[in-house]
Every structure is written in structure tokens, then in C-alpha cells.
Amino acid sequence: MPFINGRYHVNPAMGHALEAAREAEAALLALQQQARKTSGDASASVPGDDSADPEDPSFADASADAAPTHHIEIDAAELVPSNSGRATRGFVARVHRTSPAANDARATPPPPETHVFADHGDLVNFLRDALAKDSPQR
């Protein structure tokens, strides 16, 4: 199986196409965020009120925790630390959440949360806890 951009794919052509689509989606999201930042329509907060600042990491965490999980991507990862030179395996989970204004066509979904796990037990525990928080919301 070919290993393309940190992911295994059965079909090399399809793997390259999927990875190109992921990169294009990330670039589009970055451009949309940059456009929103430069146009100044991100928020209409009161000067000096940092509690509603979308650039504040605590604001992003609070809004991300409130939104239910849309889907989760799980990838097997392999990391070669420079000090040991031996490859270690793990998992990367990207949690995609629904946008706060899901009915607004112009709303962009928040960027995925990325979590890294050393073994499958930690990954399963994280998934259990993350999906249990969403179960009352559905």
C-alpha cells in the first residue's frame, strides 16, 4: 500500500487525488479566514471586550466544545524521533465539528481539532469521551 502524505491508500491514484483535495480544502479555508480577518466582519465586538474576540484561543475552544461532532478522521501515523532513530507508531484523530450557523450557506465550518495518540487504547478512550458529550445533543 502506498504511503502518501502520512496516510496509507490502497489505490495510488485515488490516494494522490484525496490528498490533493485535502490540501485544496485547507488552502481554501485559510484564504476564507484571511479574507474574513482583513474585511473586519468577523465580529462586532465592543472595543476592549476580549471575551468575544474570535482570534482568542479560549473563544475558539468554547465554541468548538459547544458544537456537536460532524465526523472524525483517524489516520495511522509513524514518527521517527531524531534522538532514537526508531520509528514509533501512533494515531492522529481530526475532529470536525458542525458550524455554529449550519443553516447559513456562507458560514465556514471551524477548522478540525487535531489529537495525537501513542496507542489505540488512548484513542478509544478519547473517542468514547468525545462522542459521549455529543450523545445528549442528538
N, C-alpha and C. Protein backbone atom coordinates (compact mmCIF):
# COMPACT_ATOMS: atom_id res chain seq x y z
N MET A 1 0.84 -1.18 0.00
CA MET A 1 0.00 0.00 0.00
C MET A 1 0.88 1.24 0.00
N PRO A 2 0.62 2.18 -0.88
CA PRO A 2 1.42 3.41 -0.89
C PRO A 2 1.13 4.29 0.31
N PHE A 3 2.17 4.92 0.81
CA PHE A 3 2.09 5.83 1.94
C PHE A 3 2.22 7.24 1.39
N ILE A 4 1.08 7.97 1.32
CA ILE A 4 1.04 9.29 0.69
C ILE A 4 0.65 10.32 1.73
N ASN A 5 1.53 11.28 1.97
CA ASN A 5 1.30 12.37 2.93
C ASN A 5 0.87 11.85 4.30
N GLY A 6 1.50 10.81 4.77
CA GLY A 6 1.22 10.31 6.11
C GLY A 6 0.01 9.41 6.21
N ARG A 7 -0.54 8.96 5.08
CA ARG A 7 -1.71 8.08 5.09
C ARG A 7 -1.48 6.93 4.12
N TYR A 8 -2.01 5.77 4.47
CA TYR A 8 -1.94 4.63 3.57
C TYR A 8 -3.16 4.64 2.66
N HIS A 9 -2.94 4.37 1.37
CA HIS A 9 -4.03 4.30 0.40
C HIS A 9 -3.87 3.02 -0.42
N VAL A 10 -4.97 2.33 -0.68
CA VAL A 10 -4.93 1.11 -1.47
C VAL A 10 -4.64 1.45 -2.93
N ASN A 11 -5.28 2.48 -3.45
CA ASN A 11 -5.14 2.89 -4.83
C ASN A 11 -4.27 4.15 -4.88
N PRO A 12 -3.10 4.10 -5.51
CA PRO A 12 -2.22 5.27 -5.51
C PRO A 12 -2.83 6.49 -6.19
N ALA A 13 -3.53 6.29 -7.30
CA ALA A 13 -4.14 7.44 -7.99
C ALA A 13 -5.21 8.09 -7.12
N MET A 14 -6.02 7.28 -6.50
CA MET A 14 -7.06 7.80 -5.62
C MET A 14 -6.43 8.47 -4.39
N GLY A 15 -5.35 7.89 -3.88
CA GLY A 15 -4.66 8.48 -2.74
C GLY A 15 -4.12 9.86 -3.05
N HIS A 16 -3.51 10.01 -4.22
CA HIS A 16 -3.00 11.33 -4.62
C HIS A 16 -4.15 12.32 -4.80
N ALA A 17 -5.26 11.86 -5.36
CA ALA A 17 -6.41 12.75 -5.55
C ALA A 17 -7.00 13.18 -4.21
N LEU A 18 -7.13 12.26 -3.27
CA LEU A 18 -7.67 12.60 -1.95
C LEU A 18 -6.76 13.58 -1.23
N GLU A 19 -5.45 13.35 -1.30
CA GLU A 19 -4.52 14.24 -0.62
C GLU A 19 -4.52 15.63 -1.27
N ALA A 20 -4.65 15.68 -2.59
CA ALA A 20 -4.73 16.98 -3.27
C ALA A 20 -6.01 17.71 -2.86
N ALA A 21 -7.10 16.97 -2.72
CA ALA A 21 -8.35 17.59 -2.30
C ALA A 21 -8.25 18.10 -0.87
N ARG A 22 -7.60 17.36 0.02
CA ARG A 22 -7.41 17.82 1.40
C ARG A 22 -6.58 19.10 1.44
N GLU A 23 -5.52 19.14 0.64
CA GLU A 23 -4.67 20.33 0.60
C GLU A 23 -5.44 21.53 0.04
N ALA A 24 -6.25 21.29 -0.99
CA ALA A 24 -7.04 22.37 -1.57
C ALA A 24 -8.07 22.89 -0.58
N GLU A 25 -8.69 21.98 0.17
CA GLU A 25 -9.66 22.39 1.17
C GLU A 25 -9.00 23.21 2.27
N ALA A 26 -7.81 22.80 2.69
CA ALA A 26 -7.09 23.54 3.73
C ALA A 26 -6.69 24.93 3.21
N ALA A 27 -6.26 25.00 1.96
CA ALA A 27 -5.88 26.29 1.39
C ALA A 27 -7.09 27.21 1.27
N LEU A 28 -8.23 26.65 0.85
CA LEU A 28 -9.45 27.45 0.73
C LEU A 28 -9.89 27.97 2.09
N LEU A 29 -9.81 27.13 3.11
CA LEU A 29 -10.18 27.55 4.46
C LEU A 29 -9.26 28.66 4.95
N ALA A 30 -7.97 28.53 4.67
CA ALA A 30 -7.03 29.58 5.08
C ALA A 30 -7.32 30.89 4.36
N LEU A 31 -7.64 30.82 3.08
CA LEU A 31 -7.98 32.04 2.33
C LEU A 31 -9.26 32.68 2.86
N GLN A 32 -10.25 31.87 3.19
CA GLN A 32 -11.50 32.41 3.73
C GLN A 32 -11.27 33.07 5.08
N GLN A 33 -10.45 32.46 5.91
CA GLN A 33 -10.16 33.05 7.21
C GLN A 33 -9.38 34.35 7.04
N GLN A 34 -8.44 34.37 6.12
CA GLN A 34 -7.67 35.59 5.87
C GLN A 34 -8.58 36.70 5.35
N ALA A 35 -9.51 36.36 4.44
CA ALA A 35 -10.43 37.35 3.90
C ALA A 35 -11.34 37.89 4.99
N ARG A 36 -11.79 37.02 5.88
CA ARG A 36 -12.66 37.44 6.98
C ARG A 36 -11.89 38.35 7.93
N LYS A 37 -10.62 38.03 8.16
CA LYS A 37 -9.80 38.83 9.07
C LYS A 37 -9.55 40.22 8.48
N THR A 38 -9.23 40.29 7.18
CA THR A 38 -8.92 41.58 6.58
C THR A 38 -10.16 42.44 6.35
N SER A 39 -11.32 41.81 6.12
CA SER A 39 -12.53 42.60 5.88
C SER A 39 -13.12 43.14 7.18
N GLY A 40 -12.78 42.53 8.30
CA GLY A 40 -13.23 43.04 9.59
C GLY A 40 -14.66 42.66 9.94
N ASP A 41 -15.25 41.72 9.22
CA ASP A 41 -16.63 41.34 9.53
C ASP A 41 -16.71 40.10 10.41
N ALA A 42 -15.59 39.74 11.02
CA ALA A 42 -15.58 38.55 11.86
C ALA A 42 -16.44 38.71 13.09
N SER A 43 -16.41 39.89 13.70
CA SER A 43 -17.25 40.12 14.87
C SER A 43 -17.44 41.61 15.05
N ALA A 44 -18.50 41.93 15.72
CA ALA A 44 -18.77 43.34 16.03
C ALA A 44 -18.68 43.49 17.54
N SER A 45 -17.46 43.32 18.05
CA SER A 45 -17.29 43.37 19.50
C SER A 45 -17.04 44.80 19.95
N VAL A 46 -17.29 45.02 21.20
CA VAL A 46 -17.05 46.32 21.81
C VAL A 46 -15.56 46.47 22.03
N PRO A 47 -14.96 47.63 21.73
CA PRO A 47 -13.52 47.79 21.96
C PRO A 47 -13.18 47.55 23.43
N GLY A 48 -12.13 46.76 23.62
CA GLY A 48 -11.71 46.45 24.98
C GLY A 48 -12.36 45.19 25.53
N ASP A 49 -13.36 44.65 24.82
CA ASP A 49 -14.00 43.42 25.27
C ASP A 49 -13.36 42.25 24.56
N ASP A 50 -12.43 41.58 25.22
CA ASP A 50 -11.71 40.47 24.60
C ASP A 50 -12.45 39.15 24.73
N SER A 51 -13.56 39.10 25.45
CA SER A 51 -14.26 37.84 25.64
C SER A 51 -14.92 37.36 24.37
N ALA A 52 -15.23 38.22 23.41
CA ALA A 52 -15.89 37.81 22.18
C ALA A 52 -14.94 37.88 20.98
N ASP A 53 -13.64 37.91 21.23
CA ASP A 53 -12.68 38.00 20.15
C ASP A 53 -12.48 36.63 19.51
N PRO A 54 -12.81 36.46 18.21
CA PRO A 54 -12.66 35.15 17.59
C PRO A 54 -11.21 34.72 17.43
N GLU A 55 -10.26 35.63 17.54
CA GLU A 55 -8.86 35.27 17.44
C GLU A 55 -8.33 34.72 18.76
N ASP A 56 -9.08 34.90 19.84
CA ASP A 56 -8.68 34.43 21.15
C ASP A 56 -8.83 32.91 21.20
N PRO A 57 -7.79 32.13 21.57
CA PRO A 57 -7.90 30.68 21.60
C PRO A 57 -8.99 30.17 22.54
N SER A 58 -9.24 30.87 23.64
CA SER A 58 -10.30 30.42 24.56
C SER A 58 -11.67 30.55 23.91
N PHE A 59 -11.84 31.55 23.04
CA PHE A 59 -13.11 31.70 22.33
C PHE A 59 -13.31 30.53 21.37
N ALA A 60 -12.26 30.14 20.66
CA ALA A 60 -12.36 29.03 19.71
C ALA A 60 -12.64 27.73 20.45
N ASP A 61 -12.00 27.52 21.60
CA ASP A 61 -12.24 26.31 22.36
C ASP A 61 -13.67 26.25 22.86
N ALA A 62 -14.19 27.38 23.32
CA ALA A 62 -15.55 27.40 23.85
C ALA A 62 -16.57 27.13 22.76
N SER A 63 -16.38 27.72 21.59
CA SER A 63 -17.34 27.50 20.51
C SER A 63 -17.21 26.10 19.94
N ALA A 64 -15.99 25.55 19.92
CA ALA A 64 -15.80 24.20 19.40
C ALA A 64 -16.40 23.17 20.34
N ASP A 65 -16.30 23.40 21.65
CA ASP A 65 -16.88 22.46 22.60
C ASP A 65 -18.39 22.47 22.52
N ALA A 66 -18.99 23.60 22.16
CA ALA A 66 -20.44 23.69 22.11
C ALA A 66 -20.99 23.03 20.86
N ALA A 67 -20.23 22.97 19.77
CA ALA A 67 -20.72 22.41 18.52
C ALA A 67 -20.61 20.88 18.55
N PRO A 68 -21.63 20.19 18.03
CA PRO A 68 -21.56 18.73 18.00
C PRO A 68 -20.57 18.24 16.94
N THR A 69 -20.09 17.03 17.11
CA THR A 69 -19.14 16.44 16.19
C THR A 69 -19.84 16.07 14.89
N HIS A 70 -19.27 16.49 13.76
CA HIS A 70 -19.82 16.14 12.45
C HIS A 70 -19.22 14.81 11.99
N HIS A 71 -17.89 14.71 11.97
CA HIS A 71 -17.22 13.46 11.68
C HIS A 71 -15.80 13.50 12.21
N ILE A 72 -15.21 12.30 12.31
CA ILE A 72 -13.85 12.17 12.84
C ILE A 72 -13.03 11.37 11.84
N GLU A 73 -11.87 11.91 11.45
CA GLU A 73 -10.92 11.20 10.60
C GLU A 73 -9.85 10.61 11.52
N ILE A 74 -9.54 9.33 11.32
CA ILE A 74 -8.49 8.69 12.11
C ILE A 74 -7.45 8.16 11.14
N ASP A 75 -6.20 8.55 11.35
CA ASP A 75 -5.11 8.12 10.49
C ASP A 75 -4.05 7.43 11.33
N ALA A 76 -3.47 6.38 10.76
CA ALA A 76 -2.31 5.76 11.39
C ALA A 76 -1.11 6.63 11.06
N ALA A 77 -0.26 6.88 12.03
CA ALA A 77 0.88 7.77 11.83
C ALA A 77 2.15 7.04 12.26
N GLU A 78 3.24 7.46 11.68
CA GLU A 78 4.53 6.92 12.04
C GLU A 78 5.50 8.08 12.20
N LEU A 79 6.15 8.16 13.33
CA LEU A 79 7.04 9.26 13.64
C LEU A 79 8.43 8.70 13.93
N VAL A 80 9.44 9.33 13.37
CA VAL A 80 10.82 8.93 13.62
C VAL A 80 11.49 10.04 14.41
N PRO A 81 11.59 9.89 15.73
CA PRO A 81 12.27 10.92 16.53
C PRO A 81 13.76 10.97 16.18
N SER A 82 14.31 12.17 16.17
CA SER A 82 15.72 12.33 15.79
C SER A 82 16.67 11.74 16.82
N ASN A 83 16.25 11.67 18.08
CA ASN A 83 17.17 11.19 19.12
C ASN A 83 17.31 9.67 19.10
N SER A 84 16.26 8.93 18.74
CA SER A 84 16.36 7.48 18.77
C SER A 84 16.56 6.87 17.38
N GLY A 85 15.96 7.50 16.36
CA GLY A 85 16.08 6.97 15.01
C GLY A 85 15.18 5.79 14.74
N ARG A 86 14.42 5.37 15.74
CA ARG A 86 13.49 4.25 15.56
C ARG A 86 12.09 4.80 15.37
N ALA A 87 11.38 4.23 14.45
CA ALA A 87 10.02 4.69 14.15
C ALA A 87 9.06 4.25 15.25
N THR A 88 8.21 5.15 15.66
CA THR A 88 7.14 4.82 16.60
C THR A 88 5.82 5.03 15.90
N ARG A 89 4.86 4.21 16.22
CA ARG A 89 3.56 4.30 15.58
C ARG A 89 2.56 4.91 16.52
N GLY A 90 1.56 5.52 15.93
CA GLY A 90 0.51 6.13 16.71
C GLY A 90 -0.68 6.44 15.82
N PHE A 91 -1.56 7.27 16.32
CA PHE A 91 -2.77 7.63 15.60
C PHE A 91 -2.99 9.13 15.68
N VAL A 92 -3.57 9.67 14.62
CA VAL A 92 -3.95 11.08 14.59
C VAL A 92 -5.45 11.12 14.34
N ALA A 93 -6.17 11.82 15.20
CA ALA A 93 -7.62 11.98 15.05
C ALA A 93 -7.91 13.44 14.76
N ARG A 94 -8.66 13.69 13.70
CA ARG A 94 -9.10 15.05 13.36
C ARG A 94 -10.59 15.11 13.59
N VAL A 95 -11.00 15.92 14.55
CA VAL A 95 -12.42 16.04 14.91
C VAL A 95 -13.00 17.23 14.17
N HIS A 96 -13.93 16.95 13.27
CA HIS A 96 -14.62 18.01 12.52
C HIS A 96 -15.96 18.27 13.21
N ARG A 97 -16.21 19.51 13.53
CA ARG A 97 -17.47 19.87 14.20
C ARG A 97 -18.34 20.67 13.24
N THR A 98 -19.64 20.65 13.49
CA THR A 98 -20.56 21.42 12.65
C THR A 98 -20.37 22.89 12.95
N SER A 99 -20.66 23.72 11.96
CA SER A 99 -20.51 25.16 12.16
C SER A 99 -21.65 25.66 13.03
N PRO A 100 -21.40 26.70 13.83
CA PRO A 100 -22.44 27.22 14.72
C PRO A 100 -23.69 27.67 13.96
N ALA A 101 -23.51 28.22 12.77
CA ALA A 101 -24.66 28.65 11.96
C ALA A 101 -24.79 27.71 10.77
N ALA A 102 -25.23 26.48 11.02
CA ALA A 102 -25.28 25.45 9.98
C ALA A 102 -26.26 25.80 8.87
N ASN A 103 -27.28 26.61 9.17
CA ASN A 103 -28.26 26.95 8.15
C ASN A 103 -27.80 28.10 7.26
N ASP A 104 -26.71 28.78 7.61
CA ASP A 104 -26.18 29.87 6.80
C ASP A 104 -25.20 29.28 5.78
N ALA A 105 -25.47 29.48 4.49
CA ALA A 105 -24.63 28.91 3.43
C ALA A 105 -23.25 29.54 3.40
N ARG A 106 -23.10 30.77 3.90
CA ARG A 106 -21.81 31.44 3.88
C ARG A 106 -20.92 31.05 5.04
N ALA A 107 -21.47 30.40 6.05
CA ALA A 107 -20.70 30.05 7.24
C ALA A 107 -19.68 28.96 6.91
N THR A 108 -18.45 29.18 7.31
CA THR A 108 -17.42 28.16 7.11
C THR A 108 -17.32 27.33 8.38
N PRO A 109 -17.14 26.03 8.21
CA PRO A 109 -17.00 25.20 9.40
C PRO A 109 -15.70 25.51 10.12
N PRO A 110 -15.66 25.32 11.42
CA PRO A 110 -14.42 25.58 12.15
C PRO A 110 -13.34 24.58 11.71
N PRO A 111 -12.08 24.96 11.83
CA PRO A 111 -11.02 24.02 11.45
C PRO A 111 -11.05 22.80 12.36
N PRO A 112 -10.61 21.65 11.85
CA PRO A 112 -10.67 20.44 12.68
C PRO A 112 -9.69 20.51 13.84
N GLU A 113 -10.09 19.88 14.93
CA GLU A 113 -9.20 19.74 16.08
C GLU A 113 -8.32 18.52 15.80
N THR A 114 -7.04 18.62 16.05
CA THR A 114 -6.13 17.51 15.82
C THR A 114 -5.63 16.98 17.15
N HIS A 115 -5.75 15.67 17.32
CA HIS A 115 -5.30 15.00 18.54
C HIS A 115 -4.39 13.85 18.13
N VAL A 116 -3.27 13.68 18.84
CA VAL A 116 -2.30 12.63 18.54
C VAL A 116 -2.27 11.65 19.70
N PHE A 117 -2.26 10.34 19.37
CA PHE A 117 -2.29 9.29 20.38
C PHE A 117 -1.17 8.29 20.13
N ALA A 118 -0.57 7.80 21.21
CA ALA A 118 0.54 6.86 21.10
C ALA A 118 0.04 5.43 20.89
N ASP A 119 -1.13 5.10 21.41
CA ASP A 119 -1.64 3.75 21.21
C ASP A 119 -3.16 3.76 21.05
N HIS A 120 -3.68 2.61 20.65
CA HIS A 120 -5.10 2.52 20.34
C HIS A 120 -5.98 2.66 21.58
N GLY A 121 -5.48 2.32 22.74
CA GLY A 121 -6.27 2.44 23.97
C GLY A 121 -6.61 3.89 24.28
N ASP A 122 -5.61 4.77 24.13
CA ASP A 122 -5.86 6.20 24.35
C ASP A 122 -6.83 6.75 23.32
N LEU A 123 -6.70 6.30 22.08
CA LEU A 123 -7.60 6.75 21.02
C LEU A 123 -9.04 6.33 21.32
N VAL A 124 -9.24 5.09 21.73
CA VAL A 124 -10.59 4.60 22.03
C VAL A 124 -11.18 5.36 23.22
N ASN A 125 -10.38 5.62 24.24
CA ASN A 125 -10.88 6.38 25.38
C ASN A 125 -11.29 7.80 24.97
N PHE A 126 -10.48 8.43 24.14
CA PHE A 126 -10.82 9.77 23.66
C PHE A 126 -12.12 9.75 22.87
N LEU A 127 -12.26 8.79 21.97
CA LEU A 127 -13.48 8.70 21.15
C LEU A 127 -14.71 8.46 22.02
N ARG A 128 -14.57 7.60 23.02
CA ARG A 128 -15.69 7.33 23.92
C ARG A 128 -16.12 8.60 24.64
N ASP A 129 -15.16 9.35 25.17
CA ASP A 129 -15.48 10.57 25.90
C ASP A 129 -16.02 11.67 24.98
N ALA A 130 -15.41 11.82 23.80
CA ALA A 130 -15.84 12.88 22.89
C ALA A 130 -17.25 12.61 22.35
N LEU A 131 -17.54 11.37 22.02
CA LEU A 131 -18.85 11.07 21.48
C LEU A 131 -19.91 10.99 22.57
N ALA A 132 -19.51 10.70 23.80
CA ALA A 132 -20.47 10.70 24.90
C ALA A 132 -20.96 12.10 25.20
N LYS A 133 -20.08 13.12 25.01
CA LYS A 133 -20.50 14.51 25.22
C LYS A 133 -21.55 14.92 24.19
N ASP A 134 -21.47 14.36 22.98
CA ASP A 134 -22.39 14.73 21.92
C ASP A 134 -23.71 13.96 21.97
N SER A 135 -23.74 12.82 22.66
CA SER A 135 -24.95 12.00 22.62
C SER A 135 -26.20 12.68 23.16
N PRO A 136 -26.16 13.52 24.21
CA PRO A 136 -27.39 14.20 24.64
C PRO A 136 -27.86 15.27 23.65
N GLN A 137 -26.95 15.76 22.80
CA GLN A 137 -27.30 16.82 21.87
C GLN A 137 -28.05 16.28 20.67
N ARG A 138 -28.04 15.00 20.43
CA ARG A 138 -28.66 14.43 19.22
C ARG A 138 -29.98 13.80 19.51
